[in-house]
N, C-alpha and C. Protein backbone atom coordinates (compact mmCIF):
# COMPACT_ATOMS: atom_id res chain seq x y z
N UNK A 1 145.23 185.44 17.23
CA UNK A 1 144.41 186.42 17.74
C UNK A 1 143.20 185.74 18.10
N UNK A 2 142.53 184.84 17.54
CA UNK A 2 141.29 184.22 17.71
C UNK A 2 141.64 182.92 18.33
N UNK A 3 142.56 182.62 18.04
CA UNK A 3 142.85 181.55 18.99
C UNK A 3 143.49 181.66 20.55
N UNK A 4 143.75 182.64 20.60
CA UNK A 4 144.11 183.43 21.92
C UNK A 4 143.02 184.40 22.87
N UNK A 5 142.17 184.94 22.37
CA UNK A 5 141.00 184.83 22.70
C UNK A 5 140.09 183.74 23.18
N UNK A 6 139.98 182.44 22.04
CA UNK A 6 139.26 181.66 22.51
C UNK A 6 139.70 181.13 23.97
N UNK A 7 141.16 180.66 23.74
CA UNK A 7 142.27 180.03 24.84
C UNK A 7 141.95 180.70 26.58
N UNK A 8 141.23 181.74 26.53
CA UNK A 8 140.79 182.18 27.98
C UNK A 8 139.99 182.36 28.43
N UNK A 9 138.92 181.33 27.92
CA UNK A 9 137.66 181.14 28.08
C UNK A 9 137.43 179.67 28.36
N UNK A 10 138.26 178.93 28.08
CA UNK A 10 138.52 177.26 28.62
C UNK A 10 139.29 176.85 29.15
N UNK A 11 138.86 175.83 29.70
CA UNK A 11 139.77 175.68 31.11
C UNK A 11 141.49 174.89 30.43
N UNK A 12 142.16 175.67 31.15
CA UNK A 12 142.35 175.71 32.42
C UNK A 12 142.64 177.58 32.66
N UNK A 13 142.59 178.16 31.59
CA UNK A 13 142.97 179.55 31.47
C UNK A 13 141.71 180.52 32.33
N UNK A 14 140.39 179.64 31.66
CA UNK A 14 139.24 180.46 32.49
C UNK A 14 139.56 180.32 33.86
N UNK A 15 139.83 179.61 34.25
CA UNK A 15 140.08 179.79 36.05
C UNK A 15 141.34 181.36 36.77
N UNK A 16 142.22 181.62 35.55
CA UNK A 16 142.86 182.71 36.05
C UNK A 16 142.41 183.90 35.24
N UNK A 17 141.30 183.53 34.21
CA UNK A 17 140.60 184.78 33.68
C UNK A 17 139.76 185.25 34.57
N UNK A 18 138.93 184.54 35.59
CA UNK A 18 138.03 184.53 36.35
C UNK A 18 138.84 185.66 37.69
N UNK A 19 140.24 184.91 38.11
CA UNK A 19 140.78 185.80 39.22
C UNK A 19 141.77 187.16 38.42
N UNK A 20 141.65 187.23 37.21
CA UNK A 20 141.99 188.21 36.33
C UNK A 20 141.09 189.04 36.83
N UNK A 21 139.59 188.89 36.73
CA UNK A 21 138.87 189.85 36.45
C UNK A 21 138.46 190.22 37.69
N UNK A 22 138.72 189.53 39.05
CA UNK A 22 138.50 189.98 40.40
C UNK A 22 139.92 190.92 40.64
N UNK A 23 140.92 190.67 40.28
CA UNK A 23 142.08 191.68 40.52
C UNK A 23 141.72 193.16 39.96
N UNK A 24 141.37 192.92 38.53
CA UNK A 24 140.89 194.26 37.76
C UNK A 24 139.90 194.88 38.53
N UNK A 25 138.79 194.32 38.75
CA UNK A 25 137.82 195.09 40.41
C UNK A 25 138.47 195.56 41.34
N UNK A 26 139.15 195.05 41.79
CA UNK A 26 140.00 195.52 43.18
C UNK A 26 140.52 196.63 42.83
N UNK A 27 141.52 196.76 41.55
CA UNK A 27 142.08 198.00 41.34
C UNK A 27 141.29 198.90 40.92
N UNK A 28 140.23 198.70 40.12
CA UNK A 28 139.55 199.76 40.13
C UNK A 28 138.92 200.52 41.35
N UNK A 29 138.31 199.61 42.39
CA UNK A 29 137.84 200.25 43.38
C UNK A 29 139.67 200.72 44.18
N UNK A 30 140.52 200.60 44.10
CA UNK A 30 141.79 200.95 44.96
C UNK A 30 141.89 202.18 44.21
N UNK A 31 141.58 202.70 42.85
CA UNK A 31 141.96 204.09 42.21
C UNK A 31 140.65 204.54 42.71
N UNK A 32 139.38 204.61 43.01
CA UNK A 32 138.52 205.69 42.87
C UNK A 32 138.54 205.69 44.73
N UNK A 33 139.40 204.78 45.70
CA UNK A 33 139.61 205.73 47.00
C UNK A 33 138.91 204.52 47.69
N UNK A 34 138.24 203.48 47.02
CA UNK A 34 137.20 202.46 48.18
C UNK A 34 137.93 201.46 49.19
N UNK A 35 139.15 201.46 48.62
CA UNK A 35 140.16 200.22 49.45
C UNK A 35 141.51 201.11 49.64
N UNK A 36 142.23 200.75 50.50
CA UNK A 36 144.13 200.99 50.51
C UNK A 36 144.42 199.75 50.46
N UNK A 37 144.91 199.99 48.78
CA UNK A 37 145.72 198.87 48.43
C UNK A 37 146.98 198.38 49.33
N UNK A 38 147.81 199.36 49.87
CA UNK A 38 148.44 198.98 50.95
C UNK A 38 148.57 198.47 51.80
N UNK A 39 147.55 198.14 52.39
CA UNK A 39 146.88 197.84 53.82
C UNK A 39 145.48 196.90 53.52
N UNK A 40 145.19 196.53 52.48
CA UNK A 40 144.20 195.38 52.43
C UNK A 40 145.05 194.11 52.04
N UNK A 41 144.21 193.04 52.19
CA UNK A 41 144.55 191.59 51.97
C UNK A 41 145.30 191.11 53.32
N UNK A 42 146.27 190.32 53.44
CA UNK A 42 147.05 189.56 54.08
C UNK A 42 148.36 190.35 54.92
N UNK A 43 147.63 190.62 56.40
CA UNK A 43 148.79 191.42 56.97
C UNK A 43 149.81 190.21 57.54
N UNK A 44 150.47 190.39 57.47
CA UNK A 44 152.14 189.86 57.87
C UNK A 44 152.12 189.67 59.66
N UNK A 45 151.75 190.64 59.99
CA UNK A 45 151.71 191.00 61.14
C UNK A 45 151.36 190.14 62.13
N UNK A 46 151.09 189.20 63.10
CA UNK A 46 150.89 187.73 63.55
C UNK A 46 149.65 188.34 64.34
N UNK A 47 149.99 189.64 65.42
CA UNK A 47 149.83 189.83 66.61
C UNK A 47 148.28 190.42 66.32
N UNK A 48 148.30 190.84 64.93
CA UNK A 48 147.02 192.23 64.55
C UNK A 48 145.93 191.27 64.33
N UNK A 49 145.92 189.41 63.92
CA UNK A 49 145.48 188.61 63.35
C UNK A 49 144.88 187.78 64.56
N UNK A 50 143.81 188.18 65.19
CA UNK A 50 143.41 187.53 66.29
C UNK A 50 142.61 186.11 66.35
N UNK A 51 141.97 186.53 64.65
CA UNK A 51 140.95 185.29 64.29
C UNK A 51 142.01 184.59 63.22
N UNK A 52 143.20 184.90 63.28
CA UNK A 52 144.33 183.59 62.02
C UNK A 52 144.76 182.78 63.19
N UNK A 53 144.96 181.59 62.70
CA UNK A 53 146.26 180.84 63.24
C UNK A 53 147.58 181.16 62.94
N UNK A 54 148.50 181.59 64.43
CA UNK A 54 149.63 181.93 64.23
C UNK A 54 150.67 181.52 63.25
N UNK A 55 150.56 179.91 63.64
CA UNK A 55 151.56 179.29 63.14
C UNK A 55 151.33 179.15 61.22
N UNK A 56 149.72 179.03 60.87
CA UNK A 56 149.53 179.47 59.90
C UNK A 56 149.97 180.52 58.72
N UNK A 57 149.86 181.55 59.77
CA UNK A 57 150.17 183.20 59.56
C UNK A 57 151.71 182.99 59.15
N UNK A 58 152.47 182.54 60.17
CA UNK A 58 153.79 182.26 60.42
C UNK A 58 154.41 182.15 59.06
N UNK A 59 154.09 180.67 58.58
CA UNK A 59 154.33 179.58 57.52
C UNK A 59 154.03 180.53 56.27
N UNK A 60 152.48 180.82 56.19
CA UNK A 60 152.33 181.78 54.50
C UNK A 60 153.18 182.63 54.55
N UNK A 61 153.56 183.65 55.94
CA UNK A 61 154.69 184.82 55.62
C UNK A 61 155.94 183.92 54.81
N UNK A 62 156.50 182.87 55.75
CA UNK A 62 157.45 182.36 55.19
C UNK A 62 158.06 181.87 53.76
N UNK A 63 156.57 181.54 53.23
CA UNK A 63 156.48 181.55 52.05
C UNK A 63 156.44 182.23 50.99
N UNK A 64 156.04 183.36 51.42
CA UNK A 64 155.90 184.63 50.81
C UNK A 64 157.41 185.02 50.35
N UNK A 65 158.65 185.18 51.77
CA UNK A 65 159.83 185.90 51.68
C UNK A 65 160.73 184.67 50.81
N UNK A 66 160.40 183.14 51.22
CA UNK A 66 160.92 182.82 50.31
C UNK A 66 160.95 182.74 48.67
N UNK A 67 159.52 183.19 48.33
CA UNK A 67 159.68 183.09 46.95
C UNK A 67 159.82 184.34 46.42
N UNK A 68 160.48 185.34 47.35
CA UNK A 68 160.52 186.65 46.62
C UNK A 68 159.20 187.86 46.68
N UNK A 69 158.63 187.16 47.45
CA UNK A 69 157.41 188.24 47.19
C UNK A 69 157.16 189.01 48.42
N UNK A 70 158.08 189.33 48.85
CA UNK A 70 157.87 190.30 49.99
C UNK A 70 158.28 191.76 49.60
N UNK A 71 157.89 192.64 50.34
CA UNK A 71 158.31 193.85 50.31
C UNK A 71 157.52 194.47 49.80
N UNK A 72 156.55 194.40 49.30
CA UNK A 72 155.04 194.96 48.54
C UNK A 72 154.13 194.87 49.08
N UNK A 73 153.30 195.36 48.98
CA UNK A 73 151.99 195.29 49.55
C UNK A 73 151.25 193.44 49.06
N UNK A 74 150.85 193.20 49.73
CA UNK A 74 149.86 191.40 49.26
C UNK A 74 149.25 191.53 48.08
N UNK A 75 148.68 192.72 47.98
CA UNK A 75 147.71 192.96 46.88
C UNK A 75 148.37 193.00 45.36
N UNK A 76 149.86 193.92 45.38
CA UNK A 76 150.31 193.89 44.13
C UNK A 76 150.79 192.82 43.79
N UNK A 77 151.76 191.74 45.29
CA UNK A 77 152.04 190.32 44.76
C UNK A 77 151.09 189.49 44.03
N UNK A 78 150.08 189.62 44.80
CA UNK A 78 148.76 188.64 44.26
C UNK A 78 148.88 189.06 42.76
N UNK A 79 148.58 190.21 42.22
CA UNK A 79 148.41 190.66 41.13
C UNK A 79 149.17 190.21 40.27
N UNK A 80 150.39 190.41 40.65
CA UNK A 80 151.39 190.04 39.24
C UNK A 80 151.48 188.53 39.16
N UNK A 81 151.49 187.73 40.06
CA UNK A 81 151.10 186.29 40.21
C UNK A 81 150.01 186.20 39.23
N UNK A 82 148.55 186.50 39.14
CA UNK A 82 147.59 185.62 38.41
C UNK A 82 147.93 186.80 36.98
N UNK A 83 148.34 188.19 36.87
CA UNK A 83 148.97 188.41 35.39
C UNK A 83 149.71 187.39 34.83
N UNK A 84 150.89 186.80 35.65
CA UNK A 84 151.71 186.38 34.73
C UNK A 84 151.01 184.95 34.21
N UNK A 85 150.42 184.21 35.61
CA UNK A 85 149.99 182.98 35.48
C UNK A 85 149.01 182.94 34.16
N UNK A 86 148.24 183.99 33.77
CA UNK A 86 146.89 184.01 32.94
C UNK A 86 147.41 184.28 31.75
N UNK A 87 148.66 184.76 31.39
CA UNK A 87 149.30 184.89 30.38
C UNK A 87 150.28 183.46 30.05
N UNK A 88 150.77 182.91 31.00
CA UNK A 88 151.06 181.93 30.44
C UNK A 88 150.31 180.61 30.16
N UNK A 89 148.98 180.38 30.85
CA UNK A 89 148.32 179.74 30.76
C UNK A 89 147.75 179.90 29.41
N UNK A 90 147.66 181.11 29.04
CA UNK A 90 146.97 181.47 27.53
C UNK A 90 147.69 180.73 26.46
N UNK A 91 149.15 181.08 26.29
CA UNK A 91 150.26 180.89 25.57
C UNK A 91 149.94 179.00 25.77
N UNK A 92 150.00 178.42 26.78
CA UNK A 92 150.51 177.23 27.15
C UNK A 92 149.07 176.71 25.94
N UNK A 93 147.75 177.10 26.74
CA UNK A 93 146.49 176.64 26.26
C UNK A 93 146.46 176.74 24.26
N UNK A 94 147.68 177.52 24.03
CA UNK A 94 147.46 177.82 22.28
C UNK A 94 148.52 176.53 21.64
N UNK A 95 149.84 176.23 22.82
CA UNK A 95 150.77 175.54 21.89
C UNK A 95 151.22 174.27 22.75
N UNK A 96 151.10 174.64 23.88
CA UNK A 96 151.63 173.39 24.89
C UNK A 96 150.41 172.01 25.03
N UNK A 97 149.25 172.91 25.27
CA UNK A 97 147.94 171.96 25.39
C UNK A 97 147.93 171.19 24.54
N UNK A 98 147.44 171.16 23.38
CA UNK A 98 147.54 170.45 21.97
C UNK A 98 148.44 169.49 22.22
N UNK A 99 149.50 169.63 22.51
CA UNK A 99 150.65 168.59 22.69
C UNK A 99 149.98 167.59 23.64
N UNK A 100 150.28 168.12 24.78
CA UNK A 100 149.69 167.09 26.01
C UNK A 100 148.45 166.51 25.60
N UNK A 101 147.57 166.79 24.81
CA UNK A 101 146.34 166.09 24.65
C UNK A 101 146.78 164.91 23.87
N UNK A 102 147.47 165.14 22.84
CA UNK A 102 148.11 163.93 21.41
C UNK A 102 148.76 163.19 22.30
N UNK A 103 149.55 163.44 23.42
CA UNK A 103 150.45 162.27 24.29
C UNK A 103 149.43 161.66 24.94
N UNK A 104 148.63 161.82 25.38
CA UNK A 104 147.57 161.30 26.70
C UNK A 104 146.78 160.07 25.92
N UNK A 105 147.03 159.09 26.43
CA UNK A 105 145.85 158.18 25.88
C UNK A 105 144.83 158.05 26.23
N UNK A 106 144.18 158.72 26.57
CA UNK A 106 142.76 158.87 27.37
C UNK A 106 141.42 159.37 26.51
N UNK A 107 140.38 159.43 27.36
CA UNK A 107 139.22 159.95 26.08
C UNK A 107 139.16 161.09 26.30
N UNK A 108 138.58 161.91 25.30
CA UNK A 108 139.07 163.42 25.11
C UNK A 108 138.35 164.28 26.42
N UNK A 109 137.27 164.03 26.96
CA UNK A 109 137.05 164.62 28.40
C UNK A 109 137.99 164.66 29.41
N UNK A 110 138.69 163.39 29.52
CA UNK A 110 139.65 163.23 30.91
C UNK A 110 141.17 163.60 30.19
N UNK A 111 141.08 163.78 28.75
CA UNK A 111 142.51 164.32 28.50
C UNK A 111 142.37 166.11 28.32
N UNK A 112 141.34 166.39 28.36
CA UNK A 112 141.22 167.90 28.88
C UNK A 112 141.47 168.53 30.28
N UNK A 113 140.89 167.30 31.16
CA UNK A 113 140.88 167.84 32.63
C UNK A 113 142.36 167.25 32.90
N UNK A 114 143.08 166.47 32.84
CA UNK A 114 144.58 166.12 33.22
C UNK A 114 145.73 167.24 32.14
N UNK A 115 145.72 167.16 30.86
CA UNK A 115 146.58 168.08 30.65
C UNK A 115 146.29 169.41 30.75
N UNK A 116 144.91 169.72 30.90
CA UNK A 116 144.62 171.22 31.42
C UNK A 116 145.13 171.71 33.24
N UNK A 117 144.69 170.63 33.84
CA UNK A 117 145.52 170.92 34.92
C UNK A 117 147.19 170.67 35.27
N UNK A 118 147.98 169.79 34.11
CA UNK A 118 149.12 170.21 33.88
C UNK A 118 149.68 171.80 33.59
N UNK A 119 148.87 172.13 32.80
CA UNK A 119 149.13 173.51 32.63
C UNK A 119 148.61 174.64 33.60
N UNK A 120 147.62 174.37 34.45
CA UNK A 120 147.23 175.38 35.14
C UNK A 120 148.39 175.38 36.05
N UNK A 121 149.11 174.20 36.67
CA UNK A 121 150.23 174.13 37.69
C UNK A 121 151.41 174.67 37.37
N UNK A 122 151.53 174.10 35.89
CA UNK A 122 152.91 174.96 35.24
C UNK A 122 152.88 176.39 35.43
N UNK A 123 151.66 176.79 34.80
CA UNK A 123 151.67 178.52 34.98
C UNK A 123 151.66 179.15 36.03
N UNK A 124 151.16 178.43 37.17
CA UNK A 124 151.51 178.86 38.27
C UNK A 124 152.93 178.64 38.77
N UNK A 125 153.61 177.64 38.57
CA UNK A 125 155.31 177.95 38.94
C UNK A 125 155.91 178.57 38.32
N UNK A 126 155.44 178.81 36.94
CA UNK A 126 156.13 179.91 36.27
C UNK A 126 155.75 181.60 36.81
N UNK A 127 154.35 181.53 36.58
CA UNK A 127 154.56 182.97 37.49
C UNK A 127 155.10 183.36 38.52
N UNK A 128 155.37 182.61 40.08
CA UNK A 128 156.50 182.98 40.78
C UNK A 128 157.63 183.47 40.60
N UNK A 129 158.66 183.09 40.10
CA UNK A 129 159.79 183.53 39.50
C UNK A 129 159.42 184.80 38.49
N UNK A 130 158.72 185.05 37.83
CA UNK A 130 158.27 186.18 37.13
C UNK A 130 157.90 187.57 37.87
N UNK A 131 157.06 187.09 38.53
CA UNK A 131 156.26 187.92 39.54
C UNK A 131 157.89 188.23 40.77
N UNK A 132 158.58 187.53 41.25
CA UNK A 132 159.35 187.68 42.70
C UNK A 132 161.06 188.90 41.51
N UNK A 133 160.84 188.69 40.22
CA UNK A 133 161.93 189.62 39.39
C UNK A 133 161.40 190.71 39.08
N UNK A 134 159.72 191.09 39.09
CA UNK A 134 158.98 192.43 38.79
C UNK A 134 159.06 193.22 40.06
N UNK A 135 158.71 192.18 41.38
CA UNK A 135 158.87 192.99 42.46
C UNK A 135 160.27 193.42 42.79
N UNK A 136 161.38 192.93 42.55
CA UNK A 136 162.50 193.18 42.99
C UNK A 136 162.71 194.57 43.15
N UNK A 137 162.56 195.26 42.02
CA UNK A 137 163.09 196.77 41.53
C UNK A 137 161.72 197.64 42.43
N UNK A 138 160.70 197.01 42.58
CA UNK A 138 159.60 198.09 42.87
C UNK A 138 159.54 197.92 44.66
N UNK A 139 160.67 197.21 45.35
CA UNK A 139 160.73 197.48 46.70
C UNK A 139 160.83 198.97 47.11
N UNK A 140 161.73 199.42 46.42
CA UNK A 140 162.13 200.66 46.85
C UNK A 140 160.88 201.68 46.93
N UNK A 141 160.10 201.43 46.09
CA UNK A 141 158.79 202.28 46.29
C UNK A 141 157.99 202.27 46.99
N UNK A 142 157.86 201.15 48.06
CA UNK A 142 157.43 200.70 49.30
C UNK A 142 157.82 200.98 50.19
N UNK A 143 158.89 201.49 50.56
CA UNK A 143 159.60 201.56 51.77
C UNK A 143 158.65 202.64 52.66
N UNK A 144 158.70 202.15 54.11
CA UNK A 144 157.79 202.27 54.94
C UNK A 144 158.63 203.84 56.09
N UNK A 145 157.79 204.95 55.78
CA UNK A 145 158.93 205.82 56.82
C UNK A 145 158.28 206.21 57.89
N UNK A 146 159.15 206.50 58.87
CA UNK A 146 158.92 206.15 60.16
C UNK A 146 159.30 207.26 60.70
N UNK A 147 158.66 208.11 61.26
CA UNK A 147 159.12 209.35 61.78
C UNK A 147 159.80 209.02 63.18
N UNK A 148 160.90 209.75 63.41
CA UNK A 148 161.68 209.93 65.06
C UNK A 148 160.46 209.45 66.15
N UNK A 149 159.33 210.20 66.33
CA UNK A 149 158.67 209.80 67.22
C UNK A 149 156.87 209.98 66.41
N UNK A 150 156.41 208.81 66.57
CA UNK A 150 155.34 208.75 65.96
C UNK A 150 154.41 210.40 66.11
N UNK A 151 154.35 210.21 67.86
CA UNK A 151 153.10 211.34 68.42
C UNK A 151 153.91 212.83 67.63
N UNK A 152 155.19 212.76 67.37
CA UNK A 152 155.53 213.86 66.93
C UNK A 152 154.76 214.96 65.69
N UNK A 153 154.36 213.95 64.95
CA UNK A 153 153.37 214.17 64.02
C UNK A 153 152.27 215.16 63.95
N UNK A 154 151.60 214.49 65.41
CA UNK A 154 150.61 214.84 65.75
C UNK A 154 150.62 217.18 65.87
N UNK A 155 149.77 217.37 65.07
CA UNK A 155 149.49 218.56 65.23
C UNK A 155 149.76 219.28 63.83
N UNK A 156 150.63 218.50 62.85
CA UNK A 156 150.98 218.92 61.66
C UNK A 156 149.57 218.75 60.34
N UNK A 157 150.29 219.65 59.74
CA UNK A 157 149.33 219.38 58.30
C UNK A 157 149.30 218.66 57.54
N UNK A 158 148.70 217.90 56.93
CA UNK A 158 148.97 216.66 55.59
C UNK A 158 147.65 217.27 54.47
N UNK A 159 148.27 216.19 53.57
CA UNK A 159 147.54 216.50 52.26
C UNK A 159 146.79 215.11 51.94
N UNK A 160 145.48 214.62 51.81
CA UNK A 160 144.52 213.56 52.01
C UNK A 160 144.82 212.87 50.16
N UNK A 161 145.36 211.60 49.99
CA UNK A 161 145.83 211.17 48.96
C UNK A 161 145.03 210.02 48.54
N UNK A 162 144.00 209.36 49.26
CA UNK A 162 142.63 208.72 48.88
C UNK A 162 141.47 209.34 48.87
N UNK A 163 140.65 208.43 47.76
CA UNK A 163 139.65 209.40 47.48
C UNK A 163 138.70 209.39 48.42
N UNK A 164 138.44 208.82 49.69
CA UNK A 164 137.90 208.99 51.06
C UNK A 164 138.86 208.34 52.26
N UNK A 165 138.21 208.91 53.50
CA UNK A 165 139.05 208.90 54.42
C UNK A 165 137.47 208.23 55.43
N UNK A 166 137.73 206.99 56.19
CA UNK A 166 136.88 206.59 57.20
C UNK A 166 137.36 205.93 58.37
N UNK A 167 137.10 205.07 58.98
CA UNK A 167 137.54 204.16 60.09
C UNK A 167 138.48 203.42 59.32
N UNK A 168 138.00 202.91 58.25
CA UNK A 168 139.22 201.97 57.81
C UNK A 168 139.96 202.41 56.47
N UNK A 169 139.64 202.90 55.83
CA UNK A 169 140.33 203.39 54.92
C UNK A 169 141.11 205.26 54.88
N UNK A 170 142.55 205.29 54.36
CA UNK A 170 142.91 206.57 54.34
C UNK A 170 144.19 206.49 54.45
N UNK A 171 145.04 207.48 53.62
CA UNK A 171 146.52 207.68 53.63
C UNK A 171 146.59 209.08 53.18
N UNK A 172 147.28 209.93 53.83
CA UNK A 172 147.94 211.13 53.84
C UNK A 172 149.03 211.50 53.52
N UNK A 173 149.52 212.47 53.18
CA UNK A 173 150.86 212.81 52.46
C UNK A 173 151.31 213.90 53.66
N UNK A 174 152.52 214.20 54.66
CA UNK A 174 152.97 214.96 55.73
C UNK A 174 154.42 215.72 55.05
N UNK A 175 154.20 216.89 54.89
CA UNK A 175 155.81 217.26 54.14
C UNK A 175 156.47 217.57 55.07
N UNK A 176 157.64 217.31 54.85
CA UNK A 176 158.93 217.25 55.36
C UNK A 176 160.15 217.83 54.69
N UNK A 177 161.43 218.00 55.15
CA UNK A 177 162.54 218.33 54.88
C UNK A 177 162.93 217.14 54.04
N UNK A 178 163.09 217.50 52.60
CA UNK A 178 163.64 216.09 51.85
C UNK A 178 162.18 215.80 51.16
N UNK A 179 162.13 214.28 51.54
CA UNK A 179 160.93 213.60 51.03
C UNK A 179 159.98 213.72 51.83
N UNK A 180 158.50 213.54 51.62
CA UNK A 180 157.25 213.77 52.18
C UNK A 180 157.05 212.14 53.12
N UNK A 181 156.38 212.30 54.16
CA UNK A 181 155.82 211.13 54.61
C UNK A 181 154.62 210.64 54.51
N UNK A 182 154.77 209.37 54.10
CA UNK A 182 153.00 209.06 53.26
C UNK A 182 152.75 208.09 54.71
N UNK A 183 151.21 208.36 55.39
CA UNK A 183 151.34 207.65 56.67
C UNK A 183 150.02 207.35 57.06
N UNK A 184 149.26 206.20 57.51
CA UNK A 184 147.78 205.78 57.33
C UNK A 184 146.89 206.83 58.27
N UNK A 185 145.81 206.78 57.81
CA UNK A 185 144.92 208.05 58.78
C UNK A 185 143.55 207.41 58.36
N UNK A 186 142.70 207.95 59.43
CA UNK A 186 141.47 207.59 59.74
C UNK A 186 140.93 208.79 59.96
N UNK A 187 139.67 208.93 59.97
CA UNK A 187 138.74 210.40 60.49
C UNK A 187 137.31 210.09 60.92
N UNK A 188 136.67 210.64 61.49
CA UNK A 188 135.14 210.49 62.24
C UNK A 188 134.86 210.38 61.00
N UNK A 189 133.25 210.05 60.91
CA UNK A 189 132.45 210.38 59.64
C UNK A 189 131.14 210.62 60.23
N UNK A 190 130.10 211.73 59.69
CA UNK A 190 130.90 212.24 57.92
C UNK A 190 131.59 213.16 57.95
N UNK A 191 132.47 213.38 56.77
CA UNK A 191 133.32 214.03 56.55
C UNK A 191 133.55 214.92 55.26
N UNK A 192 133.98 215.19 55.17
CA UNK A 192 134.37 215.97 53.32
C UNK A 192 135.85 215.76 52.89
N UNK A 193 136.11 215.26 53.71
CA UNK A 193 137.85 214.84 53.30
C UNK A 193 138.19 213.60 51.92
N UNK A 194 138.61 214.28 50.68
CA UNK A 194 138.34 214.12 49.23
C UNK A 194 140.00 213.79 49.36
N UNK A 195 140.39 213.37 48.12
CA UNK A 195 141.66 213.48 47.80
C UNK A 195 142.01 214.53 47.44
N UNK A 196 143.36 215.07 47.92
CA UNK A 196 143.76 216.70 48.19
C UNK A 196 143.18 217.57 48.83
N UNK A 197 142.41 217.15 49.37
CA UNK A 197 141.94 217.72 50.98
C UNK A 197 143.02 218.22 52.20
N UNK A 198 142.85 219.40 52.58
CA UNK A 198 144.01 219.76 53.54
C UNK A 198 143.20 219.47 54.76
N UNK A 199 144.21 219.11 55.77
CA UNK A 199 143.89 218.50 56.74
C UNK A 199 144.80 218.40 57.92
N UNK A 200 144.49 218.37 59.42
CA UNK A 200 145.48 218.56 60.40
C UNK A 200 145.50 217.12 60.93
N UNK A 201 146.50 216.51 61.66
CA UNK A 201 146.72 215.11 62.37
C UNK A 201 146.78 215.44 63.50
N UNK A 202 145.13 215.22 64.26
CA UNK A 202 144.82 215.57 65.90
C UNK A 202 145.14 214.40 66.86
N UNK A 203 145.56 213.06 66.49
CA UNK A 203 145.78 212.52 67.62
C UNK A 203 146.68 211.29 66.81
N UNK A 204 147.16 210.14 67.58
CA UNK A 204 147.83 208.78 67.17
C UNK A 204 147.39 207.79 67.52
N UNK A 205 146.98 206.80 66.75
CA UNK A 205 146.31 205.36 67.79
C UNK A 205 147.54 204.49 67.33
N UNK A 206 148.62 204.28 68.79
CA UNK A 206 149.48 203.43 68.78
C UNK A 206 149.16 201.39 68.28
N UNK A 207 147.70 201.89 68.99
CA UNK A 207 147.79 200.02 68.52
C UNK A 207 147.08 199.80 67.12
N UNK A 208 146.84 200.63 66.23
CA UNK A 208 146.75 200.55 64.71
C UNK A 208 147.85 200.66 63.87
N UNK A 209 148.74 201.75 64.69
CA UNK A 209 149.80 202.35 63.44
C UNK A 209 149.30 202.88 62.81
N UNK A 210 147.96 204.58 62.89
CA UNK A 210 147.98 205.20 62.22
C UNK A 210 147.19 206.76 63.09
N UNK A 211 146.93 207.64 62.16
CA UNK A 211 146.79 208.53 62.25
C UNK A 211 145.57 209.64 62.42
N UNK A 212 144.84 209.80 63.63
CA UNK A 212 143.77 210.73 63.30
C UNK A 212 143.82 211.77 62.59
N UNK A 213 142.54 212.43 61.72
CA UNK A 213 142.95 213.61 61.00
C UNK A 213 141.55 214.36 61.20
N UNK A 214 141.54 215.84 60.83
CA UNK A 214 140.17 216.27 61.33
C UNK A 214 140.59 217.44 59.72
N UNK A 215 139.34 218.15 58.75
CA UNK A 215 139.39 218.81 58.17
C UNK A 215 140.34 220.13 58.75
């Protein structure tokens, strides 16, 4: 356990340890409702990204699909990639890195950089199929339910799912026959809407595909 702990704070695992820390902070913010994890990060809708080069976005989207990382929020995919890469790098730092350093006839400092970089890349490569395998059964949990008519939900009651609802963040649940519908929502500020609050849908924003709600 001591070797495993030590490996997390040296190169190359220290890179993934820092990324894992960022991921943990992100999910803490998601749990308390400060970010909407289903719609934060990369949006593969090219038209919605006016400040991003369309060709670059299309290329990135094709890689996401090719690696089997689509079908879930990008935050989930990135979190899985970082987690698997961190574990792989830790284990490789304990067992593989000493062997690579022994096989490299270079000064110690150079050995650490060269062998560490090899482990860094191998861990990232291994994380991709592992994350894709984990994402496969998760896709059905993130199926988007679209009403026959988006405007048909206006006037209906809903229940807030996020800790806060403002101009940027918000999700709510609309009770329907069978499965309930999970929708993106927003509201004017200030408001007292919190997780579990009852609200009513008052308008639909077709441009941003979200509903305006009020207590």
